[in-house]
Amino acid sequence: MAARTDELIVDGLVSTIIPVYNRAAMVREAVESVLNQSYRPIEIIVVDDGSTDDTPGVVDRLARAWPDVIRVIHKANEGPGLAREAGRNVARGEFIQYLDSDDLLLPPKFGTQVALLHANADCGIAYGVTRLVDEKGALLRAESKWTGQKLEYLFPGLLIDRWWHTSTPLYRRSVSDAAGPWPARRPEDWDLEARMGANRVRLAYDPSPVSCHRHHESPNRVTLGSRTSYLLDEAWFLPRLFDCAVRAGVGMGAPEMAHFAKWAFMVARELGSMNESQDAWNLLALAKRSAPSPRLLVTVTGILAKACGWKVAAAVCGVGIRMRGALRETQRP
């Protein structure tokens, strides 16, 4: 699908892009939260990512009820990244809002954040506080992740956590375009924002609540296949995150970079224990490169992996699953 041209951008328009897969009830609530915005003009682009339930009918009915506001795209199932990209390519707004189909915007969001960007011409992204709620909407946390903090840039914090939610920021269209397309692989949202951070986009902050993120209980059972897939995605993402941090000017001596080096090291050991040797070696090299000083454990792991194989190296040095929770304790809703 061809991207829109600059001539099609409408001044002041906020385009909200909502990817959805099999969430008929929740997507209706998400759309309603955008319609309830006090700000106008708006457009809503719902991208049905190959749903197999009654979601397609639900979103089509919403579009018929609001033909001047809502547009629906139906596509084959390819994941949220490519669904958002399909929406971005047809969006006409000067400002871009991404919204997950199970989350909600609060009514003043667009008015507050558009005004914030108008008042801060040097800023490309406005953000505020996202509340954490359960599946029924009950408040779990008044300030989710780091959204209660005023930060000037996305980095160096992105080396530790994707520290806000998809619903939290409002982007200038120019910032979204400069970052480039959404990737197909996860974590697609963190990857896109890392590219924005690499461009040193300044942030404008207002401490008022702007959205609600629903927390879903995770299944207790994690299969080996799903764990391996998750780690392989991290092996793809971590070098990209590091490169963006360097472009953003994060120094090798920064504490966030030391945190990142430990993260890369632990993923390397775990992948090595799963016989994913090439990715393990790549991440071990990345851990050495990003560590603020030589790390004995990294060196020992490399020596053992060469001499005895990754299974032995991971067993001797510890696979790192127990340490992972402590290291990435900020990476929670």
C-alpha atoms as a PDB file:
ATOM      1  CA  MET A   1       0.000   0.000   0.000  1.00  0.00           C
ATOM      2  CA  ALA A   2       1.435   3.355  -0.993  1.00  0.00           C
ATOM      3  CA  ALA A   3       2.045   5.895   1.757  1.00  0.00           C
ATOM      4  CA  ARG A   4       0.089   9.130   1.754  1.00  0.00           C
ATOM      5  CA  THR A   5       1.649  12.277   0.301  1.00  0.00           C
ATOM      6  CA  ASP A   6       2.211  15.480   2.259  1.00  0.00           C
ATOM      7  CA  GLU A   7      -0.541  17.192   0.258  1.00  0.00           C
ATOM      8  CA  LEU A   8      -3.103  14.937   1.957  1.00  0.00           C
ATOM      9  CA  ILE A   9      -2.191  15.956   5.526  1.00  0.00           C
ATOM     10  CA  VAL A  10      -4.968  17.933   7.220  1.00  0.00           C
ATOM     11  CA  ASP A  11      -3.822  20.644   9.635  1.00  0.00           C
ATOM     12  CA  GLY A  12      -4.998  20.031  13.177  1.00  0.00           C
ATOM     13  CA  LEU A  13      -6.456  16.607  12.415  1.00  0.00           C
ATOM     14  CA  VAL A  14      -5.682  13.816  14.906  1.00  0.00           C
ATOM     15  CA  SER A  15      -5.570  10.380  13.281  1.00  0.00           C
ATOM     16  CA  THR A  16      -6.117   7.461  15.668  1.00  0.00           C
ATOM     17  CA  ILE A  17      -4.958   4.056  14.423  1.00  0.00           C
ATOM     18  CA  ILE A  18      -6.424   0.988  16.153  1.00  0.00           C
ATOM     19  CA  PRO A  19      -5.269  -2.510  15.161  1.00  0.00           C
ATOM     20  CA  VAL A  20      -7.620  -5.265  16.278  1.00  0.00           C
ATOM     21  CA  TYR A  21      -7.732  -9.046  16.261  1.00  0.00           C
ATOM     22  CA  ASN A  22     -10.708 -10.897  17.779  1.00  0.00           C
ATOM     23  CA  ARG A  23     -11.713  -8.237  20.303  1.00  0.00           C
ATOM     24  CA  ALA A  24     -15.226  -7.296  19.269  1.00  0.00           C
ATOM     25  CA  ALA A  25     -16.410  -5.897  22.618  1.00  0.00           C
ATOM     26  CA  MET A  26     -13.205  -4.153  23.624  1.00  0.00           C
ATOM     27  CA  VAL A  27     -12.590  -2.489  20.258  1.00  0.00           C
ATOM     28  CA  ARG A  28     -16.033  -0.913  20.469  1.00  0.00           C
ATOM     29  CA  GLU A  29     -15.074   0.641  23.804  1.00  0.00           C
ATOM     30  CA  ALA A  30     -11.719   1.789  22.408  1.00  0.00           C
ATOM     31  CA  VAL A  31     -13.422   3.501  19.472  1.00  0.00           C
ATOM     32  CA  GLU A  32     -15.976   5.127  21.776  1.00  0.00           C
ATOM     33  CA  SER A  33     -13.145   6.552  23.894  1.00  0.00           C
ATOM     34  CA  VAL A  34     -11.834   8.327  20.792  1.00  0.00           C
ATOM     35  CA  LEU A  35     -15.285   9.560  19.760  1.00  0.00           C
ATOM     36  CA  ASN A  36     -15.659  10.983  23.287  1.00  0.00           C
ATOM     37  CA  GLN A  37     -12.636  13.244  22.875  1.00  0.00           C
ATOM     38  CA  SER A  38     -13.425  16.900  23.525  1.00  0.00           C
ATOM     39  CA  TYR A  39     -11.102  17.828  20.633  1.00  0.00           C
ATOM     40  CA  ARG A  40     -11.982  18.010  16.967  1.00  0.00           C
ATOM     41  CA  PRO A  41     -11.180  17.318  14.111  1.00  0.00           C
ATOM     42  CA  ILE A  42     -10.451  13.598  14.436  1.00  0.00           C
ATOM     43  CA  GLU A  43     -10.378  10.504  12.264  1.00  0.00           C
ATOM     44  CA  ILE A  44     -10.312   6.864  13.385  1.00  0.00           C
ATOM     45  CA  ILE A  45      -8.690   4.134  11.316  1.00  0.00           C
ATOM     46  CA  VAL A  46      -9.524   0.631  12.541  1.00  0.00           C
ATOM     47  CA  VAL A  47      -7.372  -2.107  11.032  1.00  0.00           C
ATOM     48  CA  ASP A  48      -8.968  -5.543  11.324  1.00  0.00           C
ATOM     49  CA  ASP A  49      -5.986  -7.892  11.301  1.00  0.00           C
ATOM     50  CA  GLY A  50      -7.732 -10.967   9.937  1.00  0.00           C
ATOM     51  CA  SER A  51     -10.152 -11.494  12.845  1.00  0.00           C
ATOM     52  CA  THR A  52     -12.027 -14.797  12.883  1.00  0.00           C
ATOM     53  CA  ASP A  53     -14.860 -13.820  15.260  1.00  0.00           C
ATOM     54  CA  ASP A  54     -17.525 -11.117  14.847  1.00  0.00           C
ATOM     55  CA  THR A  55     -14.999  -8.258  15.077  1.00  0.00           C
ATOM     56  CA  PRO A  56     -15.195  -7.442  11.321  1.00  0.00           C
ATOM     57  CA  GLY A  57     -18.957  -6.940  11.544  1.00  0.00           C
ATOM     58  CA  VAL A  58     -18.662  -4.838  14.693  1.00  0.00           C
ATOM     59  CA  VAL A  59     -16.120  -2.432  13.220  1.00  0.00           C
ATOM     60  CA  ASP A  60     -18.015  -2.197   9.912  1.00  0.00           C
ATOM     61  CA  ARG A  61     -21.155  -1.202  11.797  1.00  0.00           C
ATOM     62  CA  LEU A  62     -19.198   1.461  13.666  1.00  0.00           C
ATOM     63  CA  ALA A  63     -17.938   2.838  10.355  1.00  0.00           C
ATOM     64  CA  ARG A  64     -21.467   2.980   8.965  1.00  0.00           C
ATOM     65  CA  ALA A  65     -22.633   4.840  12.077  1.00  0.00           C
ATOM     66  CA  TRP A  66     -19.786   7.369  11.835  1.00  0.00           C
ATOM     67  CA  PRO A  67     -18.938   7.497   8.101  1.00  0.00           C
ATOM     68  CA  ASP A  68     -17.220  10.882   8.278  1.00  0.00           C
ATOM     69  CA  VAL A  69     -14.946   9.817  11.147  1.00  0.00           C
ATOM     70  CA  ILE A  70     -14.297   6.052  11.053  1.00  0.00           C
ATOM     71  CA  ARG A  71     -12.572   4.108   8.309  1.00  0.00           C
ATOM     72  CA  VAL A  72     -12.019   0.335   8.430  1.00  0.00           C
ATOM     73  CA  ILE A  73      -9.257  -1.645   6.734  1.00  0.00           C
ATOM     74  CA  HIS A  74      -9.575  -5.426   6.513  1.00  0.00           C
ATOM     75  CA  LYS A  75      -6.348  -7.342   5.957  1.00  0.00           C
ATOM     76  CA  ALA A  76      -4.790 -10.762   6.435  1.00  0.00           C
ATOM     77  CA  ASN A  77      -3.430 -11.526   9.890  1.00  0.00           C
ATOM     78  CA  GLU A  78       0.195 -10.355  10.100  1.00  0.00           C
ATOM     79  CA  GLY A  79       0.472  -8.955  13.621  1.00  0.00           C
ATOM     80  CA  PRO A  80       0.027  -5.539  15.231  1.00  0.00           C
ATOM     81  CA  GLY A  81       3.094  -3.891  13.707  1.00  0.00           C
ATOM     82  CA  LEU A  82       2.022  -4.334  10.101  1.00  0.00           C
ATOM     83  CA  ALA A  83      -1.585  -3.547  11.023  1.00  0.00           C
ATOM     84  CA  ARG A  84      -0.509  -0.192  12.457  1.00  0.00           C
ATOM     85  CA  GLU A  85       1.621   0.424   9.384  1.00  0.00           C
ATOM     86  CA  ALA A  86      -1.400  -0.144   7.138  1.00  0.00           C
ATOM     87  CA  GLY A  87      -3.247   2.500   9.144  1.00  0.00           C
ATOM     88  CA  ARG A  88      -0.331   4.925   9.121  1.00  0.00           C
ATOM     89  CA  ASN A  89      -0.120   4.746   5.350  1.00  0.00           C
ATOM     90  CA  VAL A  90      -3.628   6.113   4.902  1.00  0.00           C
ATOM     91  CA  ALA A  91      -3.809   8.482   7.890  1.00  0.00           C
ATOM     92  CA  ARG A  92      -4.271  12.158   7.015  1.00  0.00           C
ATOM     93  CA  GLY A  93      -3.660  13.760  10.402  1.00  0.00           C
ATOM     94  CA  GLU A  94      -1.084  16.345  11.420  1.00  0.00           C
ATOM     95  CA  PHE A  95      -0.970  14.345  14.662  1.00  0.00           C
ATOM     96  CA  ILE A  96      -0.894  10.564  15.116  1.00  0.00           C
ATOM     97  CA  GLN A  97      -2.361   8.552  17.986  1.00  0.00           C
ATOM     98  CA  TYR A  98      -1.858   4.786  18.244  1.00  0.00           C
ATOM     99  CA  LEU A  99      -4.320   2.906  20.433  1.00  0.00           C
ATOM    100  CA  ASP A 100      -4.440  -0.795  21.281  1.00  0.00           C
ATOM    101  CA  SER A 101      -7.886  -2.294  20.855  1.00  0.00           C
ATOM    102  CA  ASP A 102      -8.237  -3.114  24.567  1.00  0.00           C
ATOM    103  CA  ASP A 103      -7.174   0.283  25.911  1.00  0.00           C
ATOM    104  CA  LEU A 104      -9.004   3.581  26.406  1.00  0.00           C
ATOM    105  CA  LEU A 105      -8.312   7.271  25.950  1.00  0.00           C
ATOM    106  CA  LEU A 106      -9.612   9.784  28.470  1.00  0.00           C
ATOM    107  CA  PRO A 107     -11.736  12.634  27.017  1.00  0.00           C
ATOM    108  CA  PRO A 108      -9.281  15.555  27.469  1.00  0.00           C
ATOM    109  CA  LYS A 109      -6.283  13.747  25.899  1.00  0.00           C
ATOM    110  CA  PHE A 110      -6.229  15.266  22.417  1.00  0.00           C
ATOM    111  CA  GLY A 111      -7.124  18.764  23.561  1.00  0.00           C
ATOM    112  CA  THR A 112      -4.415  18.768  26.219  1.00  0.00           C
ATOM    113  CA  GLN A 113      -1.689  17.245  24.067  1.00  0.00           C
ATOM    114  CA  VAL A 114      -2.352  19.189  20.859  1.00  0.00           C
ATOM    115  CA  ALA A 115      -2.228  22.405  22.900  1.00  0.00           C
ATOM    116  CA  LEU A 116       0.995  21.189  24.508  1.00  0.00           C
ATOM    117  CA  LEU A 117       2.637  20.643  21.124  1.00  0.00           C
ATOM    118  CA  HIS A 118       1.425  23.997  19.846  1.00  0.00           C
ATOM    119  CA  ALA A 119       2.966  25.646  22.913  1.00  0.00           C
ATOM    120  CA  ASN A 120       6.265  23.742  22.519  1.00  0.00           C
ATOM    121  CA  ALA A 121       7.314  24.010  18.890  1.00  0.00           C
ATOM    122  CA  ASP A 122      10.642  22.276  19.614  1.00  0.00           C
ATOM    123  CA  CYS A 123       8.876  19.124  20.890  1.00  0.00           C
ATOM    124  CA  GLY A 124       7.672  16.314  18.671  1.00  0.00           C
ATOM    125  CA  ILE A 125       5.830  14.095  21.170  1.00  0.00           C
ATOM    126  CA  ALA A 126       3.414  14.995  23.966  1.00  0.00           C
ATOM    127  CA  TYR A 127       2.656  12.579  26.781  1.00  0.00           C
ATOM    128  CA  GLY A 128       0.915  12.347  30.125  1.00  0.00           C
ATOM    129  CA  VAL A 129      -0.095   9.834  32.768  1.00  0.00           C
ATOM    130  CA  THR A 130      -1.523   6.433  31.873  1.00  0.00           C
ATOM    131  CA  ARG A 131      -3.555   4.644  34.505  1.00  0.00           C
ATOM    132  CA  LEU A 132      -3.339   0.868  34.929  1.00  0.00           C
ATOM    133  CA  VAL A 133      -6.737  -0.822  35.199  1.00  0.00           C
ATOM    134  CA  ASP A 134      -7.903  -4.418  35.264  1.00  0.00           C
ATOM    135  CA  GLU A 135     -10.068  -6.063  32.614  1.00  0.00           C
ATOM    136  CA  LYS A 136     -13.210  -4.683  34.280  1.00  0.00           C
ATOM    137  CA  GLY A 137     -11.830  -1.143  34.464  1.00  0.00           C
ATOM    138  CA  ALA A 138     -10.996  -1.064  38.175  1.00  0.00           C
ATOM    139  CA  LEU A 139      -7.956   1.072  38.995  1.00  0.00           C
ATOM    140  CA  LEU A 140      -4.799  -0.899  39.793  1.00  0.00           C
ATOM    141  CA  ARG A 141      -2.240   1.885  39.646  1.00  0.00           C
ATOM    142  CA  ALA A 142      -2.729   5.643  39.215  1.00  0.00           C
ATOM    143  CA  GLU A 143       0.546   6.057  37.317  1.00  0.00           C
ATOM    144  CA  SER A 144       1.586   3.106  35.165  1.00  0.00           C
ATOM    145  CA  LYS A 145       5.256   2.512  34.321  1.00  0.00           C
ATOM    146  CA  TRP A 146       7.151   5.849  34.249  1.00  0.00           C
ATOM    147  CA  THR A 147       4.289   8.003  32.999  1.00  0.00           C
ATOM    148  CA  GLY A 148       4.239   9.972  36.226  1.00  0.00           C
ATOM    149  CA  GLN A 149       7.748  11.282  35.495  1.00  0.00           C
ATOM    150  CA  LYS A 150       8.713  14.259  33.368  1.00  0.00           C
ATOM    151  CA  LEU A 151      11.445  13.207  30.927  1.00  0.00           C
ATOM    152  CA  GLU A 152      12.949  15.280  28.140  1.00  0.00           C
ATOM    153  CA  TYR A 153      13.933  12.434  25.798  1.00  0.00           C
ATOM    154  CA  LEU A 154      13.059   8.783  25.214  1.00  0.00           C
ATOM    155  CA  PHE A 155      16.657   7.729  25.883  1.00  0.00           C
ATOM    156  CA  PRO A 156      18.430   6.691  28.031  1.00  0.00           C
ATOM    157  CA  GLY A 157      15.304   5.270  29.687  1.00  0.00           C
ATOM    158  CA  LEU A 158      14.479   3.060  26.696  1.00  0.00           C
ATOM    159  CA  LEU A 159      17.566   0.983  27.479  1.00  0.00           C
ATOM    160  CA  ILE A 160      15.801  -0.171  30.637  1.00  0.00           C
ATOM    161  CA  ASP A 161      12.140  -0.228  29.729  1.00  0.00           C
ATOM    162  CA  ARG A 162       9.547   0.790  27.214  1.00  0.00           C
ATOM    163  CA  TRP A 163       8.525   3.211  29.876  1.00  0.00           C
ATOM    164  CA  TRP A 164       5.082   4.242  28.647  1.00  0.00           C
ATOM    165  CA  HIS A 165       2.173   2.566  26.856  1.00  0.00           C
ATOM    166  CA  THR A 166       0.992   2.754  23.256  1.00  0.00           C
ATOM    167  CA  SER A 167      -1.884   5.011  24.306  1.00  0.00           C
ATOM    168  CA  THR A 168       0.291   7.431  26.310  1.00  0.00           C
ATOM    169  CA  PRO A 169       1.909   9.669  23.642  1.00  0.00           C
ATOM    170  CA  LEU A 170       0.583  11.827  20.832  1.00  0.00           C
ATOM    171  CA  TYR A 171       3.025  12.245  17.917  1.00  0.00           C
ATOM    172  CA  ARG A 172       3.526  14.942  15.400  1.00  0.00           C
ATOM    173  CA  ARG A 173       3.116  13.320  12.000  1.00  0.00           C
ATOM    174  CA  SER A 174       6.602  14.470  11.035  1.00  0.00           C
ATOM    175  CA  VAL A 175       8.103  12.474  13.926  1.00  0.00           C
ATOM    176  CA  SER A 176       6.233   9.331  12.931  1.00  0.00           C
ATOM    177  CA  ASP A 177       7.312   9.660   9.302  1.00  0.00           C
ATOM    178  CA  ALA A 178      10.954  10.327  10.190  1.00  0.00           C
ATOM    179  CA  ALA A 179      11.091   7.146  12.312  1.00  0.00           C
ATOM    180  CA  GLY A 180      10.002   5.024   9.375  1.00  0.00           C
ATOM    181  CA  PRO A 181       7.703   2.005   9.106  1.00  0.00           C
ATOM    182  CA  TRP A 182       6.470  -0.294  11.813  1.00  0.00           C
ATOM    183  CA  PRO A 183       8.340  -3.630  11.804  1.00  0.00           C
ATOM    184  CA  ALA A 184       6.662  -7.014  11.659  1.00  0.00           C
ATOM    185  CA  ARG A 185       8.660  -8.471  14.573  1.00  0.00           C
ATOM    186  CA  ARG A 186       8.092  -7.833  18.258  1.00  0.00           C
ATOM    187  CA  PRO A 187       8.683  -5.691  20.211  1.00  0.00           C
ATOM    188  CA  GLU A 188       7.489  -3.546  17.306  1.00  0.00           C
ATOM    189  CA  ASP A 189       6.388  -0.615  19.473  1.00  0.00           C
ATOM    190  CA  TRP A 190       9.664  -0.390  21.414  1.00  0.00           C
ATOM    191  CA  ASP A 191      11.621  -0.639  18.164  1.00  0.00           C
ATOM    192  CA  LEU A 192       9.716   2.246  16.553  1.00  0.00           C
ATOM    193  CA  GLU A 193      10.130   4.448  19.615  1.00  0.00           C
ATOM    194  CA  ALA A 194      13.842   3.646  19.773  1.00  0.00           C
ATOM    195  CA  ARG A 195      14.152   5.049  16.254  1.00  0.00           C
ATOM    196  CA  MET A 196      12.302   8.160  17.377  1.00  0.00           C
ATOM    197  CA  GLY A 197      14.663   8.381  20.329  1.00  0.00           C
ATOM    198  CA  ALA A 198      17.662   8.061  18.015  1.00  0.00           C
ATOM    199  CA  ASN A 199      16.430  11.232  16.299  1.00  0.00           C
ATOM    200  CA  ARG A 200      16.557  13.007  19.687  1.00  0.00           C
ATOM    201  CA  VAL A 201      12.932  14.046  19.534  1.00  0.00           C
ATOM    202  CA  ARG A 202      12.087  16.258  22.504  1.00  0.00           C
ATOM    203  CA  LEU A 203       9.140  15.381  24.739  1.00  0.00           C
ATOM    204  CA  ALA A 204       6.463  17.705  26.110  1.00  0.00           C
ATOM    205  CA  TYR A 205       4.820  16.577  29.355  1.00  0.00           C
ATOM    206  CA  ASP A 206       1.571  17.355  31.122  1.00  0.00           C
ATOM    207  CA  PRO A 207       1.021  15.379  34.364  1.00  0.00           C
ATOM    208  CA  SER A 208      -2.718  14.882  33.890  1.00  0.00           C
ATOM    209  CA  PRO A 209      -4.162  11.395  33.174  1.00  0.00           C
ATOM    210  CA  VAL A 210      -4.650  10.788  29.458  1.00  0.00           C
ATOM    211  CA  SER A 211      -5.396   7.065  29.013  1.00  0.00           C
ATOM    212  CA  CYS A 212      -6.071   3.711  30.647  1.00  0.00           C
ATOM    213  CA  HIS A 213      -4.072   0.547  29.968  1.00  0.00           C
ATOM    214  CA  ARG A 214      -5.833  -2.738  30.709  1.00  0.00           C
ATOM    215  CA  HIS A 215      -3.759  -5.354  32.479  1.00  0.00           C
ATOM    216  CA  HIS A 216      -4.521  -8.909  31.417  1.00  0.00           C
ATOM    217  CA  GLU A 217      -3.513 -11.855  33.562  1.00  0.00           C
ATOM    218  CA  SER A 218      -0.848 -13.890  31.768  1.00  0.00           C
ATOM    219  CA  PRO A 219      -1.215 -17.652  31.417  1.00  0.00           C
ATOM    220  CA  ASN A 220       0.826 -19.564  33.984  1.00  0.00           C
ATOM    221  CA  ARG A 221       2.318 -22.020  31.509  1.00  0.00           C
ATOM    222  CA  VAL A 222       5.131 -20.837  29.240  1.00  0.00           C
ATOM    223  CA  THR A 223       6.140 -23.378  26.603  1.00  0.00           C
ATOM    224  CA  LEU A 224       9.696 -23.883  25.414  1.00  0.00           C
ATOM    225  CA  GLY A 225       8.644 -22.852  21.921  1.00  0.00           C
ATOM    226  CA  SER A 226       7.076 -19.570  23.024  1.00  0.00           C
ATOM    227  CA  ARG A 227      10.073 -18.821  25.250  1.00  0.00           C
ATOM    228  CA  THR A 228      12.498 -19.469  22.399  1.00  0.00           C
ATOM    229  CA  SER A 229      10.465 -17.304  20.029  1.00  0.00           C
ATOM    230  CA  TYR A 230      10.438 -14.488  22.587  1.00  0.00           C
ATOM    231  CA  LEU A 231      14.205 -14.650  23.062  1.00  0.00           C
ATOM    232  CA  LEU A 232      14.884 -14.764  19.317  1.00  0.00           C
ATOM    233  CA  ASP A 233      12.861 -11.588  18.949  1.00  0.00           C
ATOM    234  CA  GLU A 234      15.002 -10.019  21.678  1.00  0.00           C
ATOM    235  CA  ALA A 235      18.120 -11.150  19.805  1.00  0.00           C
ATOM    236  CA  TRP A 236      16.813  -9.266  16.766  1.00  0.00           C
ATOM    237  CA  PHE A 237      15.810  -6.198  18.774  1.00  0.00           C
ATOM    238  CA  LEU A 238      18.697  -5.637  21.186  1.00  0.00           C
ATOM    239  CA  PRO A 239      21.344  -4.664  18.588  1.00  0.00           C
ATOM    240  CA  ARG A 240      18.836  -2.244  17.069  1.00  0.00           C
ATOM    241  CA  LEU A 241      18.104  -0.732  20.479  1.00  0.00           C
ATOM    242  CA  PHE A 242      21.825  -0.336  21.168  1.00  0.00           C
ATOM    243  CA  ASP A 243      22.459   1.384  17.835  1.00  0.00           C
ATOM    244  CA  CYS A 244      19.603   3.808  18.474  1.00  0.00           C
ATOM    245  CA  ALA A 245      20.930   4.597  21.958  1.00  0.00           C
ATOM    246  CA  VAL A 246      24.373   5.374  20.540  1.00  0.00           C
ATOM    247  CA  ARG A 247      22.825   7.644  17.904  1.00  0.00           C
ATOM    248  CA  ALA A 248      20.878   9.369  20.672  1.00  0.00           C
ATOM    249  CA  GLY A 249      24.152  10.142  22.449  1.00  0.00           C
ATOM    250  CA  VAL A 250      23.970   7.723  25.385  1.00  0.00           C
ATOM    251  CA  GLY A 251      27.505   7.229  26.686  1.00  0.00           C
ATOM    252  CA  MET A 252      29.095   3.859  27.359  1.00  0.00           C
ATOM    253  CA  GLY A 253      29.542   4.815  31.002  1.00  0.00           C
ATOM    254  CA  ALA A 254      25.845   5.516  31.577  1.00  0.00           C
ATOM    255  CA  PRO A 255      24.160   3.302  34.193  1.00  0.00           C
ATOM    256  CA  GLU A 256      21.414   2.541  31.682  1.00  0.00           C
ATOM    257  CA  MET A 257      24.050   1.157  29.312  1.00  0.00           C
ATOM    258  CA  ALA A 258      25.427  -1.088  32.064  1.00  0.00           C
ATOM    259  CA  HIS A 259      21.893  -2.372  32.626  1.00  0.00           C
ATOM    260  CA  PHE A 260      21.561  -3.035  28.892  1.00  0.00           C
ATOM    261  CA  ALA A 261      24.859  -4.957  28.810  1.00  0.00           C
ATOM    262  CA  LYS A 262      23.627  -7.292  31.569  1.00  0.00           C
ATOM    263  CA  TRP A 263      20.354  -7.774  29.704  1.00  0.00           C
ATOM    264  CA  ALA A 264      22.159  -8.716  26.461  1.00  0.00           C
ATOM    265  CA  PHE A 265      24.462 -11.061  28.383  1.00  0.00           C
ATOM    266  CA  MET A 266      21.621 -12.939  30.052  1.00  0.00           C
ATOM    267  CA  VAL A 267      19.714 -13.373  26.789  1.00  0.00           C
ATOM    268  CA  ALA A 268      22.932 -14.644  25.177  1.00  0.00           C
ATOM    269  CA  ARG A 269      23.385 -17.303  27.880  1.00  0.00           C
ATOM    270  CA  GLU A 270      19.785 -18.426  27.706  1.00  0.00           C
ATOM    271  CA  LEU A 271      19.805 -18.678  23.913  1.00  0.00           C
ATOM    272  CA  GLY A 272      23.072 -20.576  24.104  1.00  0.00           C
ATOM    273  CA  SER A 273      21.478 -23.092  26.423  1.00  0.00           C
ATOM    274  CA  MET A 274      18.749 -23.558  23.770  1.00  0.00           C
ATOM    275  CA  ASN A 275      21.324 -24.312  21.047  1.00  0.00           C
ATOM    276  CA  GLU A 276      20.693 -20.948  19.337  1.00  0.00           C
ATOM    277  CA  SER A 277      24.456 -20.509  19.111  1.00  0.00           C
ATOM    278  CA  GLN A 278      24.773 -17.823  16.432  1.00  0.00           C
ATOM    279  CA  ASP A 279      22.394 -15.430  18.187  1.00  0.00           C
ATOM    280  CA  ALA A 280      24.079 -16.237  21.500  1.00  0.00           C
ATOM    281  CA  TRP A 281      27.501 -15.297  20.108  1.00  0.00           C
ATOM    282  CA  ASN A 282      26.137 -12.096  18.586  1.00  0.00           C
ATOM    283  CA  LEU A 283      24.602 -11.018  21.881  1.00  0.00           C
ATOM    284  CA  LEU A 284      27.701 -11.938  23.865  1.00  0.00           C
ATOM    285  CA  ALA A 285      29.686  -9.643  21.563  1.00  0.00           C
ATOM    286  CA  LEU A 286      27.059  -6.939  22.092  1.00  0.00           C
ATOM    287  CA  ALA A 287      27.307  -7.358  25.871  1.00  0.00           C
ATOM    288  CA  LYS A 288      31.088  -6.883  25.672  1.00  0.00           C
ATOM    289  CA  ARG A 289      30.696  -3.848  23.448  1.00  0.00           C
ATOM    290  CA  SER A 290      28.116  -2.126  25.638  1.00  0.00           C
ATOM    291  CA  ALA A 291      29.566  -2.964  29.063  1.00  0.00           C
ATOM    292  CA  PRO A 292      31.170   0.084  30.709  1.00  0.00           C
ATOM    293  CA  SER A 293      34.205  -1.992  31.726  1.00  0.00           C
ATOM    294  CA  PRO A 294      35.511  -5.504  31.031  1.00  0.00           C
ATOM    295  CA  ARG A 295      33.268  -8.112  32.620  1.00  0.00           C
ATOM    296  CA  LEU A 296      34.914 -11.254  33.987  1.00  0.00           C
ATOM    297  CA  LEU A 297      31.703 -13.285  33.747  1.00  0.00           C
ATOM    298  CA  VAL A 298      31.244 -12.324  30.079  1.00  0.00           C
ATOM    299  CA  THR A 299      34.809 -13.358  29.326  1.00  0.00           C
ATOM    300  CA  VAL A 300      34.541 -16.644  31.224  1.00  0.00           C
ATOM    301  CA  THR A 301      31.277 -17.462  29.478  1.00  0.00           C
ATOM    302  CA  GLY A 302      32.868 -16.891  26.083  1.00  0.00           C
ATOM    303  CA  ILE A 303      35.860 -19.074  26.931  1.00  0.00           C
ATOM    304  CA  LEU A 304      33.684 -21.906  28.221  1.00  0.00           C
ATOM    305  CA  ALA A 305      31.328 -21.672  25.227  1.00  0.00           C
ATOM    306  CA  LYS A 306      34.266 -22.015  22.823  1.00  0.00           C
ATOM    307  CA  ALA A 307      35.890 -24.838  24.755  1.00  0.00           C
ATOM    308  CA  CYS A 308      32.895 -26.852  25.934  1.00  0.00           C
ATOM    309  CA  GLY A 309      29.852 -25.514  24.098  1.00  0.00           C
ATOM    310  CA  TRP A 310      27.038 -23.219  25.135  1.00  0.00           C
ATOM    311  CA  LYS A 311      25.185 -25.810  27.189  1.00  0.00           C
ATOM    312  CA  VAL A 312      28.125 -26.147  29.565  1.00  0.00           C
ATOM    313  CA  ALA A 313      28.834 -22.407  29.615  1.00  0.00           C
ATOM    314  CA  ALA A 314      25.213 -21.597  30.454  1.00  0.00           C
ATOM    315  CA  ALA A 315      25.073 -24.252  33.169  1.00  0.00           C
ATOM    316  CA  VAL A 316      28.318 -23.164  34.808  1.00  0.00           C
ATOM    317  CA  CYS A 317      27.610 -19.438  34.630  1.00  0.00           C
ATOM    318  CA  GLY A 318      23.874 -19.735  35.292  1.00  0.00           C
ATOM    319  CA  VAL A 319      21.224 -19.473  32.610  1.00  0.00           C
ATOM    320  CA  GLY A 320      20.036 -16.180  34.056  1.00  0.00           C
ATOM    321  CA  ILE A 321      16.328 -16.814  34.349  1.00  0.00           C
ATOM    322  CA  ARG A 322      16.376 -16.065  38.090  1.00  0.00           C
ATOM    323  CA  MET A 323      18.336 -12.852  37.546  1.00  0.00           C
ATOM    324  CA  ARG A 324      16.079 -11.679  34.741  1.00  0.00           C
ATOM    325  CA  GLY A 325      13.225 -10.662  37.027  1.00  0.00           C
ATOM    326  CA  ALA A 326      15.514  -8.571  39.215  1.00  0.00           C
ATOM    327  CA  LEU A 327      17.281  -6.944  36.280  1.00  0.00           C
ATOM    328  CA  ARG A 328      14.176  -6.010  34.344  1.00  0.00           C
ATOM    329  CA  GLU A 329      11.980  -5.197  37.330  1.00  0.00           C
ATOM    330  CA  THR A 330      10.862  -1.928  35.713  1.00  0.00           C
ATOM    331  CA  GLN A 331       9.465  -3.772  32.704  1.00  0.00           C
ATOM    332  CA  ARG A 332       6.030  -4.277  34.150  1.00  0.00           C
ATOM    333  CA  PRO A 333       2.669  -2.597  33.400  1.00  0.00           C
END
